[in-house]
Amino acid sequence: GAHLTGFKTTFTSVINAYARELGILKEKDANFTGADVRNGMTAVIS
């Protein structure tokens, strides 16, 4: 539902911003998808 959507969308955006800031994602590279960012994640959102 909405709470998971809010968490996933923002978390993906933050990780992509950090990846570009650290030079891991170059200008020509596409952003990581949400599934990429959550690969291996176990999370509880309450």
PDB file of all heavy atoms in Angstrom:
ATOM      1  N   GLY A   1       0.809  -1.208   0.000  1.00  0.00           N
ATOM      2  CA  GLY A   1       0.000   0.000   0.000  1.00  0.00           C
ATOM      3  C   GLY A   1       0.840   1.254   0.000  1.00  0.00           C
ATOM      4  O   GLY A   1       2.034   1.240  -0.328  1.00  0.00           O
ATOM      5  N   ALA A   2       0.210   2.356   0.379  1.00  0.00           N
ATOM      6  CA  ALA A   2       0.816   3.678   0.238  1.00  0.00           C
ATOM      7  C   ALA A   2       2.098   3.824   1.053  1.00  0.00           C
ATOM      8  O   ALA A   2       3.061   4.446   0.592  1.00  0.00           O
ATOM      9  CB  ALA A   2      -0.191   4.748   0.659  1.00  0.00           C
ATOM     10  N   HIS A   3       2.151   3.288   2.268  1.00  0.00           N
ATOM     11  CA  HIS A   3       3.347   3.452   3.098  1.00  0.00           C
ATOM     12  C   HIS A   3       4.564   2.789   2.470  1.00  0.00           C
ATOM     13  O   HIS A   3       5.676   3.332   2.514  1.00  0.00           O
ATOM     14  CB  HIS A   3       3.109   2.944   4.513  1.00  0.00           C
ATOM     15  CG  HIS A   3       2.513   1.577   4.625  1.00  0.00           C
ATOM     16  ND1 HIS A   3       1.757   1.005   3.628  1.00  0.00           N
ATOM     17  CD2 HIS A   3       2.552   0.649   5.627  1.00  0.00           C
ATOM     18  CE1 HIS A   3       1.352  -0.185   4.014  1.00  0.00           C
ATOM     19  NE2 HIS A   3       1.828  -0.433   5.211  1.00  0.00           N
ATOM     20  N   LEU A   4       4.356   1.607   1.853  1.00  0.00           N
ATOM     21  CA  LEU A   4       5.481   0.934   1.181  1.00  0.00           C
ATOM     22  C   LEU A   4       5.901   1.692  -0.074  1.00  0.00           C
ATOM     23  O   LEU A   4       7.096   1.790  -0.379  1.00  0.00           O
ATOM     24  CB  LEU A   4       5.112  -0.506   0.820  1.00  0.00           C
ATOM     25  CG  LEU A   4       4.843  -1.469   1.978  1.00  0.00           C
ATOM     26  CD1 LEU A   4       4.889  -2.914   1.495  1.00  0.00           C
ATOM     27  CD2 LEU A   4       5.838  -1.278   3.106  1.00  0.00           C
ATOM     28  N   THR A   5       4.916   2.235  -0.775  1.00  0.00           N
ATOM     29  CA  THR A   5       5.240   3.024  -1.969  1.00  0.00           C
ATOM     30  C   THR A   5       6.086   4.238  -1.591  1.00  0.00           C
ATOM     31  O   THR A   5       7.087   4.547  -2.257  1.00  0.00           O
ATOM     32  CB  THR A   5       3.945   3.489  -2.665  1.00  0.00           C
ATOM     33  OG1 THR A   5       3.175   2.347  -3.046  1.00  0.00           O
ATOM     34  CG2 THR A   5       4.261   4.322  -3.897  1.00  0.00           C
ATOM     35  N   GLY A   6       5.702   4.939  -0.513  1.00  0.00           N
ATOM     36  CA  GLY A   6       6.465   6.108  -0.069  1.00  0.00           C
ATOM     37  C   GLY A   6       7.883   5.747   0.316  1.00  0.00           C
ATOM     38  O   GLY A   6       8.843   6.456  -0.039  1.00  0.00           O
ATOM     39  N   PHE A   7       8.049   4.649   1.044  1.00  0.00           N
ATOM     40  CA  PHE A   7       9.388   4.213   1.447  1.00  0.00           C
ATOM     41  C   PHE A   7      10.232   3.830   0.237  1.00  0.00           C
ATOM     42  O   PHE A   7      11.373   4.284   0.075  1.00  0.00           O
ATOM     43  CB  PHE A   7       9.289   3.033   2.413  1.00  0.00           C
ATOM     44  CG  PHE A   7      10.604   2.347   2.657  1.00  0.00           C
ATOM     45  CD1 PHE A   7      11.570   2.924   3.466  1.00  0.00           C
ATOM     46  CD2 PHE A   7      10.894   1.130   2.041  1.00  0.00           C
ATOM     47  CE1 PHE A   7      12.803   2.293   3.670  1.00  0.00           C
ATOM     48  CE2 PHE A   7      12.101   0.494   2.232  1.00  0.00           C
ATOM     49  CZ  PHE A   7      13.063   1.080   3.060  1.00  0.00           C
ATOM     50  N   LYS A   8       9.680   2.984  -0.624  1.00  0.00           N
ATOM     51  CA  LYS A   8      10.448   2.477  -1.762  1.00  0.00           C
ATOM     52  C   LYS A   8      10.871   3.600  -2.710  1.00  0.00           C
ATOM     53  O   LYS A   8      12.025   3.644  -3.147  1.00  0.00           O
ATOM     54  CB  LYS A   8       9.618   1.429  -2.522  1.00  0.00           C
ATOM     55  CG  LYS A   8       9.407   0.127  -1.768  1.00  0.00           C
ATOM     56  CD  LYS A   8       8.524  -0.825  -2.581  1.00  0.00           C
ATOM     57  CE  LYS A   8       8.316  -2.148  -1.864  1.00  0.00           C
ATOM     58  NZ  LYS A   8       7.466  -3.085  -2.645  1.00  0.00           N
ATOM     59  N   THR A   9       9.935   4.482  -3.036  1.00  0.00           N
ATOM     60  CA  THR A   9      10.232   5.562  -3.978  1.00  0.00           C
ATOM     61  C   THR A   9      11.340   6.466  -3.446  1.00  0.00           C
ATOM     62  O   THR A   9      12.312   6.779  -4.156  1.00  0.00           O
ATOM     63  CB  THR A   9       8.966   6.390  -4.253  1.00  0.00           C
ATOM     64  OG1 THR A   9       7.943   5.531  -4.774  1.00  0.00           O
ATOM     65  CG2 THR A   9       9.250   7.490  -5.259  1.00  0.00           C
ATOM     66  N   THR A  10      11.209   6.883  -2.192  1.00  0.00           N
ATOM     67  CA  THR A  10      12.200   7.791  -1.613  1.00  0.00           C
ATOM     68  C   THR A  10      13.543   7.104  -1.429  1.00  0.00           C
ATOM     69  O   THR A  10      14.594   7.687  -1.715  1.00  0.00           O
ATOM     70  CB  THR A  10      11.697   8.331  -0.262  1.00  0.00           C
ATOM     71  OG1 THR A  10      10.448   8.991  -0.470  1.00  0.00           O
ATOM     72  CG2 THR A  10      12.686   9.306   0.340  1.00  0.00           C
ATOM     73  N   PHE A  11      13.532   5.868  -0.956  1.00  0.00           N
ATOM     74  CA  PHE A  11      14.782   5.149  -0.728  1.00  0.00           C
ATOM     75  C   PHE A  11      15.557   4.980  -2.038  1.00  0.00           C
ATOM     76  O   PHE A  11      16.778   5.177  -2.094  1.00  0.00           O
ATOM     77  CB  PHE A  11      14.496   3.786  -0.099  1.00  0.00           C
ATOM     78  CG  PHE A  11      15.719   3.092   0.434  1.00  0.00           C
ATOM     79  CD1 PHE A  11      16.219   3.401   1.695  1.00  0.00           C
ATOM     80  CD2 PHE A  11      16.385   2.141  -0.325  1.00  0.00           C
ATOM     81  CE1 PHE A  11      17.349   2.770   2.191  1.00  0.00           C
ATOM     82  CE2 PHE A  11      17.519   1.505   0.155  1.00  0.00           C
ATOM     83  CZ  PHE A  11      18.005   1.819   1.419  1.00  0.00           C
ATOM     84  N   THR A  12      14.843   4.621  -3.101  1.00  0.00           N
ATOM     85  CA  THR A  12      15.487   4.463  -4.408  1.00  0.00           C
ATOM     86  C   THR A  12      16.094   5.783  -4.868  1.00  0.00           C
ATOM     87  O   THR A  12      17.233   5.829  -5.364  1.00  0.00           O
ATOM     88  CB  THR A  12      14.458   3.968  -5.451  1.00  0.00           C
ATOM     89  OG1 THR A  12      13.918   2.721  -5.008  1.00  0.00           O
ATOM     90  CG2 THR A  12      15.115   3.783  -6.815  1.00  0.00           C
ATOM     91  N   SER A  13      15.359   6.874  -4.708  1.00  0.00           N
ATOM     92  CA  SER A  13      15.849   8.191  -5.111  1.00  0.00           C
ATOM     93  C   SER A  13      17.104   8.586  -4.329  1.00  0.00           C
ATOM     94  O   SER A  13      18.083   9.090  -4.899  1.00  0.00           O
ATOM     95  CB  SER A  13      14.739   9.227  -4.904  1.00  0.00           C
ATOM     96  OG  SER A  13      15.201  10.526  -5.204  1.00  0.00           O
ATOM     97  N   VAL A  14      17.104   8.341  -3.018  1.00  0.00           N
ATOM     98  CA  VAL A  14      18.256   8.692  -2.174  1.00  0.00           C
ATOM     99  C   VAL A  14      19.492   7.893  -2.578  1.00  0.00           C
ATOM    100  O   VAL A  14      20.596   8.445  -2.702  1.00  0.00           O
ATOM    101  CB  VAL A  14      17.914   8.454  -0.687  1.00  0.00           C
ATOM    102  CG1 VAL A  14      19.171   8.542   0.174  1.00  0.00           C
ATOM    103  CG2 VAL A  14      16.887   9.469  -0.209  1.00  0.00           C
ATOM    104  N   ILE A  15      19.326   6.595  -2.808  1.00  0.00           N
ATOM    105  CA  ILE A  15      20.475   5.746  -3.168  1.00  0.00           C
ATOM    106  C   ILE A  15      21.041   6.155  -4.522  1.00  0.00           C
ATOM    107  O   ILE A  15      22.271   6.206  -4.715  1.00  0.00           O
ATOM    108  CB  ILE A  15      20.078   4.261  -3.166  1.00  0.00           C
ATOM    109  CG1 ILE A  15      19.708   3.819  -1.749  1.00  0.00           C
ATOM    110  CG2 ILE A  15      21.206   3.388  -3.704  1.00  0.00           C
ATOM    111  CD1 ILE A  15      20.798   4.023  -0.717  1.00  0.00           C
ATOM    112  N   ASN A  16      20.176   6.476  -5.477  1.00  0.00           N
ATOM    113  CA  ASN A  16      20.661   6.931  -6.780  1.00  0.00           C
ATOM    114  C   ASN A  16      21.428   8.252  -6.655  1.00  0.00           C
ATOM    115  O   ASN A  16      22.467   8.455  -7.306  1.00  0.00           O
ATOM    116  CB  ASN A  16      19.495   7.083  -7.762  1.00  0.00           C
ATOM    117  CG  ASN A  16      19.138   5.779  -8.451  1.00  0.00           C
ATOM    118  OD1 ASN A  16      19.997   5.121  -9.034  1.00  0.00           O
ATOM    119  ND2 ASN A  16      17.874   5.390  -8.371  1.00  0.00           N
ATOM    120  N   ALA A  17      20.927   9.145  -5.816  1.00  0.00           N
ATOM    121  CA  ALA A  17      21.617  10.433  -5.614  1.00  0.00           C
ATOM    122  C   ALA A  17      23.006  10.202  -5.002  1.00  0.00           C
ATOM    123  O   ALA A  17      23.998  10.826  -5.425  1.00  0.00           O
ATOM    124  CB  ALA A  17      20.781  11.331  -4.714  1.00  0.00           C
ATOM    125  N   TYR A  18      23.099   9.331  -4.013  1.00  0.00           N
ATOM    126  CA  TYR A  18      24.395   9.019  -3.411  1.00  0.00           C
ATOM    127  C   TYR A  18      25.331   8.358  -4.423  1.00  0.00           C
ATOM    128  O   TYR A  18      26.535   8.646  -4.472  1.00  0.00           O
ATOM    129  CB  TYR A  18      24.213   8.085  -2.217  1.00  0.00           C
ATOM    130  CG  TYR A  18      23.960   8.776  -0.901  1.00  0.00           C
ATOM    131  CD1 TYR A  18      22.762   8.585  -0.211  1.00  0.00           C
ATOM    132  CD2 TYR A  18      24.925   9.606  -0.331  1.00  0.00           C
ATOM    133  CE1 TYR A  18      22.523   9.213   1.008  1.00  0.00           C
ATOM    134  CE2 TYR A  18      24.696  10.235   0.889  1.00  0.00           C
ATOM    135  CZ  TYR A  18      23.502  10.041   1.551  1.00  0.00           C
ATOM    136  OH  TYR A  18      23.275  10.666   2.756  1.00  0.00           O
ATOM    137  N   ALA A  19      24.782   7.439  -5.253  1.00  0.00           N
ATOM    138  CA  ALA A  19      25.608   6.730  -6.230  1.00  0.00           C
ATOM    139  C   ALA A  19      26.221   7.711  -7.233  1.00  0.00           C
ATOM    140  O   ALA A  19      27.377   7.552  -7.648  1.00  0.00           O
ATOM    141  CB  ALA A  19      24.775   5.671  -6.946  1.00  0.00           C
ATOM    142  N   ARG A  20      25.487   8.730  -7.607  1.00  0.00           N
ATOM    143  CA  ARG A  20      26.024   9.735  -8.546  1.00  0.00           C
ATOM    144  C   ARG A  20      27.017  10.658  -7.823  1.00  0.00           C
ATOM    145  O   ARG A  20      28.047  11.033  -8.375  1.00  0.00           O
ATOM    146  CB  ARG A  20      24.885  10.534  -9.162  1.00  0.00           C
ATOM    147  CG  ARG A  20      23.986   9.674 -10.066  1.00  0.00           C
ATOM    148  CD  ARG A  20      23.155  10.481 -11.032  1.00  0.00           C
ATOM    149  NE  ARG A  20      22.347   9.587 -11.866  1.00  0.00           N
ATOM    150  CZ  ARG A  20      22.796   8.966 -12.949  1.00  0.00           C
ATOM    151  NH1 ARG A  20      24.060   9.140 -13.335  1.00  0.00           N
ATOM    152  NH2 ARG A  20      22.014   8.169 -13.649  1.00  0.00           N
ATOM    153  N   GLU A  21      26.695  10.990  -6.595  1.00  0.00           N
ATOM    154  CA  GLU A  21      27.584  11.860  -5.822  1.00  0.00           C
ATOM    155  C   GLU A  21      28.947  11.200  -5.592  1.00  0.00           C
ATOM    156  O   GLU A  21      29.991  11.858  -5.623  1.00  0.00           O
ATOM    157  CB  GLU A  21      26.921  12.182  -4.484  1.00  0.00           C
ATOM    158  CG  GLU A  21      27.688  13.186  -3.632  1.00  0.00           C
ATOM    159  CD  GLU A  21      26.975  13.474  -2.326  1.00  0.00           C
ATOM    160  OE1 GLU A  21      25.725  13.513  -2.335  1.00  0.00           O
ATOM    161  OE2 GLU A  21      27.659  13.641  -1.303  1.00  0.00           O
ATOM    162  N   LEU A  22      28.935   9.876  -5.408  1.00  0.00           N
ATOM    163  CA  LEU A  22      30.179   9.136  -5.169  1.00  0.00           C
ATOM    164  C   LEU A  22      30.862   8.704  -6.462  1.00  0.00           C
ATOM    165  O   LEU A  22      31.930   8.081  -6.423  1.00  0.00           O
ATOM    166  CB  LEU A  22      29.895   7.901  -4.304  1.00  0.00           C
ATOM    167  CG  LEU A  22      29.390   8.177  -2.879  1.00  0.00           C
ATOM    168  CD1 LEU A  22      28.967   6.870  -2.197  1.00  0.00           C
ATOM    169  CD2 LEU A  22      30.472   8.874  -2.062  1.00  0.00           C
ATOM    170  N   GLY A  23      30.247   8.987  -7.601  1.00  0.00           N
ATOM    171  CA  GLY A  23      30.852   8.647  -8.888  1.00  0.00           C
ATOM    172  C   GLY A  23      30.652   7.209  -9.307  1.00  0.00           C
ATOM    173  O   GLY A  23      31.240   6.744 -10.295  1.00  0.00           O
ATOM    174  N   ILE A  24      29.824   6.473  -8.585  1.00  0.00           N
ATOM    175  CA  ILE A  24      29.562   5.066  -8.938  1.00  0.00           C
ATOM    176  C   ILE A  24      28.666   4.999 -10.172  1.00  0.00           C
ATOM    177  O   ILE A  24      28.844   4.149 -11.039  1.00  0.00           O
ATOM    178  CB  ILE A  24      28.925   4.339  -7.738  1.00  0.00           C
ATOM    179  CG1 ILE A  24      29.934   4.299  -6.578  1.00  0.00           C
ATOM    180  CG2 ILE A  24      28.481   2.928  -8.109  1.00  0.00           C
ATOM    181  CD1 ILE A  24      29.355   3.835  -5.269  1.00  0.00           C
ATOM    182  N   LEU A  25      27.693   5.896 -10.244  1.00  0.00           N
ATOM    183  CA  LEU A  25      26.892   6.045 -11.462  1.00  0.00           C
ATOM    184  C   LEU A  25      27.404   7.259 -12.228  1.00  0.00           C
ATOM    185  O   LEU A  25      27.455   8.368 -11.691  1.00  0.00           O
ATOM    186  CB  LEU A  25      25.414   6.249 -11.125  1.00  0.00           C
ATOM    187  CG  LEU A  25      24.589   5.024 -10.713  1.00  0.00           C
ATOM    188  CD1 LEU A  25      23.159   5.445 -10.381  1.00  0.00           C
ATOM    189  CD2 LEU A  25      24.573   3.957 -11.793  1.00  0.00           C
ATOM    190  N   LYS A  26      27.821   7.027 -13.473  1.00  0.00           N
ATOM    191  CA  LYS A  26      28.307   8.121 -14.321  1.00  0.00           C
ATOM    192  C   LYS A  26      27.124   8.826 -14.993  1.00  0.00           C
ATOM    193  O   LYS A  26      25.988   8.363 -14.951  1.00  0.00           O
ATOM    194  CB  LYS A  26      29.260   7.568 -15.382  1.00  0.00           C
ATOM    195  CG  LYS A  26      30.444   6.796 -14.801  1.00  0.00           C
ATOM    196  CD  LYS A  26      31.342   7.699 -13.976  1.00  0.00           C
ATOM    197  CE  LYS A  26      32.626   6.991 -13.577  1.00  0.00           C
ATOM    198  NZ  LYS A  26      32.471   6.037 -12.474  1.00  0.00           N
ATOM    199  N   GLU A  27      27.410   9.940 -15.627  1.00  0.00           N
ATOM    200  CA  GLU A  27      26.359  10.752 -16.244  1.00  0.00           C
ATOM    201  C   GLU A  27      25.580   9.968 -17.286  1.00  0.00           C
ATOM    202  O   GLU A  27      24.366  10.104 -17.421  1.00  0.00           O
ATOM    203  CB  GLU A  27      26.978  11.995 -16.878  1.00  0.00           C
ATOM    204  CG  GLU A  27      25.947  12.981 -17.405  1.00  0.00           C
ATOM    205  CD  GLU A  27      26.577  14.246 -17.953  1.00  0.00           C
ATOM    206  OE1 GLU A  27      27.749  14.528 -17.593  1.00  0.00           O
ATOM    207  OE2 GLU A  27      25.902  14.934 -18.726  1.00  0.00           O
ATOM    208  N   LYS A  28      26.291   9.111 -18.020  1.00  0.00           N
ATOM    209  CA  LYS A  28      25.635   8.353 -19.104  1.00  0.00           C
ATOM    210  C   LYS A  28      24.862   7.137 -18.560  1.00  0.00           C
ATOM    211  O   LYS A  28      24.042   6.555 -19.280  1.00  0.00           O
ATOM    212  CB  LYS A  28      26.678   7.870 -20.103  1.00  0.00           C
ATOM    213  CG  LYS A  28      27.728   6.959 -19.474  1.00  0.00           C
ATOM    214  CD  LYS A  28      28.707   6.416 -20.499  1.00  0.00           C
ATOM    215  CE  LYS A  28      29.729   5.527 -19.776  1.00  0.00           C
ATOM    216  NZ  LYS A  28      30.340   4.534 -20.533  1.00  0.00           N
ATOM    217  N   ASP A  29      25.128   6.747 -17.333  1.00  0.00           N
ATOM    218  CA  ASP A  29      24.484   5.557 -16.767  1.00  0.00           C
ATOM    219  C   ASP A  29      23.031   5.832 -16.395  1.00  0.00           C
ATOM    220  O   ASP A  29      22.694   6.909 -15.903  1.00  0.00           O
ATOM    221  CB  ASP A  29      25.223   5.079 -15.515  1.00  0.00           C
ATOM    222  CG  ASP A  29      26.647   4.613 -15.824  1.00  0.00           C
ATOM    223  OD1 ASP A  29      26.867   4.162 -16.966  1.00  0.00           O
ATOM    224  OD2 ASP A  29      27.505   4.699 -14.931  1.00  0.00           O
ATOM    225  N   ALA A  30      22.199   4.812 -16.602  1.00  0.00           N
ATOM    226  CA  ALA A  30      20.806   4.901 -16.142  1.00  0.00           C
ATOM    227  C   ALA A  30      20.761   4.700 -14.632  1.00  0.00           C
ATOM    228  O   ALA A  30      21.647   4.090 -14.044  1.00  0.00           O
ATOM    229  CB  ALA A  30      19.964   3.835 -16.842  1.00  0.00           C
ATOM    230  N   ASN A  31      19.745   5.235 -14.016  1.00  0.00           N
ATOM    231  CA  ASN A  31      19.570   5.047 -12.580  1.00  0.00           C
ATOM    232  C   ASN A  31      19.341   3.581 -12.240  1.00  0.00           C
ATOM    233  O   ASN A  31      18.855   2.798 -13.072  1.00  0.00           O
ATOM    234  CB  ASN A  31      18.375   5.854 -12.069  1.00  0.00           C
ATOM    235  CG  ASN A  31      18.725   7.302 -11.787  1.00  0.00           C
ATOM    236  OD1 ASN A  31      19.884   7.668 -11.674  1.00  0.00           O
ATOM    237  ND2 ASN A  31      17.697   8.125 -11.667  1.00  0.00           N
ATOM    238  N   PHE A  32      19.650   3.205 -10.990  1.00  0.00           N
ATOM    239  CA  PHE A  32      19.251   1.899 -10.496  1.00  0.00           C
ATOM    240  C   PHE A  32      17.734   1.866 -10.409  1.00  0.00           C
ATOM    241  O   PHE A  32      17.086   2.873 -10.062  1.00  0.00           O
ATOM    242  CB  PHE A  32      19.822   1.649  -9.091  1.00  0.00           C
ATOM    243  CG  PHE A  32      21.321   1.593  -9.026  1.00  0.00           C
ATOM    244  CD1 PHE A  32      22.015   2.350  -8.097  1.00  0.00           C
ATOM    245  CD2 PHE A  32      22.034   0.782  -9.886  1.00  0.00           C
ATOM    246  CE1 PHE A  32      23.392   2.298  -8.014  1.00  0.00           C
ATOM    247  CE2 PHE A  32      23.422   0.721  -9.822  1.00  0.00           C
ATOM    248  CZ  PHE A  32      24.100   1.480  -8.884  1.00  0.00           C
ATOM    249  N   THR A  33      17.136   0.732 -10.710  1.00  0.00           N
ATOM    250  CA  THR A  33      15.692   0.581 -10.524  1.00  0.00           C
ATOM    251  C   THR A  33      15.404   0.317  -9.050  1.00  0.00           C
ATOM    252  O   THR A  33      16.312   0.012  -8.263  1.00  0.00           O
ATOM    253  CB  THR A  33      15.146  -0.594 -11.351  1.00  0.00           C
ATOM    254  OG1 THR A  33      15.683  -1.822 -10.827  1.00  0.00           O
ATOM    255  CG2 THR A  33      15.527  -0.460 -12.824  1.00  0.00           C
ATOM    256  N   GLY A  34      14.133   0.402  -8.683  1.00  0.00           N
ATOM    257  CA  GLY A  34      13.752   0.093  -7.311  1.00  0.00           C
ATOM    258  C   GLY A  34      14.108  -1.333  -6.941  1.00  0.00           C
ATOM    259  O   GLY A  34      14.569  -1.610  -5.822  1.00  0.00           O
ATOM    260  N   ALA A  35      13.907  -2.268  -7.882  1.00  0.00           N
ATOM    261  CA  ALA A  35      14.242  -3.666  -7.624  1.00  0.00           C
ATOM    262  C   ALA A  35      15.745  -3.833  -7.411  1.00  0.00           C
ATOM    263  O   ALA A  35      16.176  -4.632  -6.575  1.00  0.00           O
ATOM    264  CB  ALA A  35      13.764  -4.542  -8.782  1.00  0.00           C
ATOM    265  N   ASP A  36      16.553  -3.081  -8.173  1.00  0.00           N
ATOM    266  CA  ASP A  36      18.014  -3.122  -7.982  1.00  0.00           C
ATOM    267  C   ASP A  36      18.373  -2.702  -6.559  1.00  0.00           C
ATOM    268  O   ASP A  36      19.140  -3.376  -5.869  1.00  0.00           O
ATOM    269  CB  ASP A  36      18.716  -2.167  -8.954  1.00  0.00           C
ATOM    270  CG  ASP A  36      18.587  -2.581 -10.408  1.00  0.00           C
ATOM    271  OD1 ASP A  36      18.327  -3.762 -10.666  1.00  0.00           O
ATOM    272  OD2 ASP A  36      18.741  -1.693 -11.278  1.00  0.00           O
ATOM    273  N   VAL A  37      17.810  -1.584  -6.138  1.00  0.00           N
ATOM    274  CA  VAL A  37      18.158  -1.000  -4.840  1.00  0.00           C
ATOM    275  C   VAL A  37      17.721  -1.889  -3.686  1.00  0.00           C
ATOM    276  O   VAL A  37      18.379  -1.967  -2.658  1.00  0.00           O
ATOM    277  CB  VAL A  37      17.539   0.412  -4.718  1.00  0.00           C
ATOM    278  CG1 VAL A  37      17.662   0.937  -3.298  1.00  0.00           C
ATOM    279  CG2 VAL A  37      18.209   1.372  -5.696  1.00  0.00           C
ATOM    280  N   ARG A  38      16.611  -2.590  -3.859  1.00  0.00           N
ATOM    281  CA  ARG A  38      16.095  -3.436  -2.777  1.00  0.00           C
ATOM    282  C   ARG A  38      16.574  -4.879  -2.866  1.00  0.00           C
ATOM    283  O   ARG A  38      16.155  -5.729  -2.082  1.00  0.00           O
ATOM    284  CB  ARG A  38      14.561  -3.397  -2.759  1.00  0.00           C
ATOM    285  CG  ARG A  38      13.996  -2.020  -2.439  1.00  0.00           C
ATOM    286  CD  ARG A  38      12.488  -2.074  -2.250  1.00  0.00           C
ATOM    287  NE  ARG A  38      11.793  -2.601  -3.408  1.00  0.00           N
ATOM    288  CZ  ARG A  38      11.426  -1.886  -4.454  1.00  0.00           C
ATOM    289  NH1 ARG A  38      11.725  -0.592  -4.522  1.00  0.00           N
ATOM    290  NH2 ARG A  38      10.774  -2.442  -5.458  1.00  0.00           N
ATOM    291  N   ASN A  39      17.438  -5.166  -3.800  1.00  0.00           N
ATOM    292  CA  ASN A  39      17.975  -6.522  -3.925  1.00  0.00           C
ATOM    293  C   ASN A  39      18.689  -6.925  -2.631  1.00  0.00           C
ATOM    294  O   ASN A  39      19.638  -6.276  -2.203  1.00  0.00           O
ATOM    295  CB  ASN A  39      18.964  -6.574  -5.094  1.00  0.00           C
ATOM    296  CG  ASN A  39      19.700  -7.896  -5.146  1.00  0.00           C
ATOM    297  OD1 ASN A  39      19.098  -8.949  -5.054  1.00  0.00           O
ATOM    298  ND2 ASN A  39      21.024  -7.834  -5.281  1.00  0.00           N
ATOM    299  N   GLY A  40      18.215  -7.989  -1.983  1.00  0.00           N
ATOM    300  CA  GLY A  40      18.818  -8.457  -0.744  1.00  0.00           C
ATOM    301  C   GLY A  40      18.265  -7.802   0.502  1.00  0.00           C
ATOM    302  O   GLY A  40      18.668  -8.127   1.618  1.00  0.00           O
ATOM    303  N   MET A  41      17.332  -6.861   0.360  1.00  0.00           N
ATOM    304  CA  MET A  41      16.811  -6.118   1.520  1.00  0.00           C
ATOM    305  C   MET A  41      15.721  -6.891   2.257  1.00  0.00           C
ATOM    306  O   MET A  41      14.815  -7.451   1.649  1.00  0.00           O
ATOM    307  CB  MET A  41      16.239  -4.770   1.064  1.00  0.00           C
ATOM    308  CG  MET A  41      15.506  -4.016   2.177  1.00  0.00           C
ATOM    309  SD  MET A  41      14.589  -2.570   1.602  1.00  0.00           S
ATOM    310  CE  MET A  41      15.895  -1.342   1.555  1.00  0.00           C
ATOM    311  N   THR A  42      15.823  -6.910   3.565  1.00  0.00           N
ATOM    312  CA  THR A  42      14.718  -7.295   4.439  1.00  0.00           C
ATOM    313  C   THR A  42      14.331  -6.039   5.208  1.00  0.00           C
ATOM    314  O   THR A  42      15.184  -5.400   5.832  1.00  0.00           O
ATOM    315  CB  THR A  42      15.133  -8.392   5.428  1.00  0.00           C
ATOM    316  OG1 THR A  42      15.477  -9.573   4.701  1.00  0.00           O
ATOM    317  CG2 THR A  42      14.005  -8.707   6.395  1.00  0.00           C
ATOM    318  N   ALA A  43      13.060  -5.656   5.146  1.00  0.00           N
ATOM    319  CA  ALA A  43      12.641  -4.413   5.789  1.00  0.00           C
ATOM    320  C   ALA A  43      11.281  -4.580   6.442  1.00  0.00           C
ATOM    321  O   ALA A  43      10.431  -5.347   5.965  1.00  0.00           O
ATOM    322  CB  ALA A  43      12.592  -3.269   4.777  1.00  0.00           C
ATOM    323  N   VAL A  44      11.080  -3.864   7.542  1.00  0.00           N
ATOM    324  CA  VAL A  44       9.774  -3.765   8.184  1.00  0.00           C
ATOM    325  C   VAL A  44       9.421  -2.287   8.264  1.00  0.00           C
ATOM    326  O   VAL A  44      10.196  -1.494   8.812  1.00  0.00           O
ATOM    327  CB  VAL A  44       9.780  -4.383   9.593  1.00  0.00           C
ATOM    328  CG1 VAL A  44       8.446  -4.109  10.294  1.00  0.00           C
ATOM    329  CG2 VAL A  44      10.042  -5.882   9.525  1.00  0.00           C
ATOM    330  N   ILE A  45       8.299  -1.924   7.672  1.00  0.00           N
ATOM    331  CA  ILE A  45       7.823  -0.536   7.722  1.00  0.00           C
ATOM    332  C   ILE A  45       6.517  -0.539   8.502  1.00  0.00           C
ATOM    333  O   ILE A  45       5.538  -1.192   8.105  1.00  0.00           O
ATOM    334  CB  ILE A  45       7.595   0.047   6.306  1.00  0.00           C
ATOM    335  CG1 ILE A  45       8.926   0.215   5.579  1.00  0.00           C
ATOM    336  CG2 ILE A  45       6.914   1.406   6.386  1.00  0.00           C
ATOM    337  CD1 ILE A  45       9.334  -0.967   4.771  1.00  0.00           C
ATOM    338  N   SER A  46       6.506   0.152   9.619  1.00  0.00           N
ATOM    339  CA  SER A  46       5.324   0.188  10.478  1.00  0.00           C
ATOM    340  C   SER A  46       4.862   1.632  10.647  1.00  0.00           C
ATOM    341  O   SER A  46       5.644   2.493  11.058  1.00  0.00           O
ATOM    342  CB  SER A  46       5.649  -0.419  11.847  1.00  0.00           C
ATOM    343  OG  SER A  46       4.552  -0.292  12.735  1.00  0.00           O
TER     344      SER A  46
END
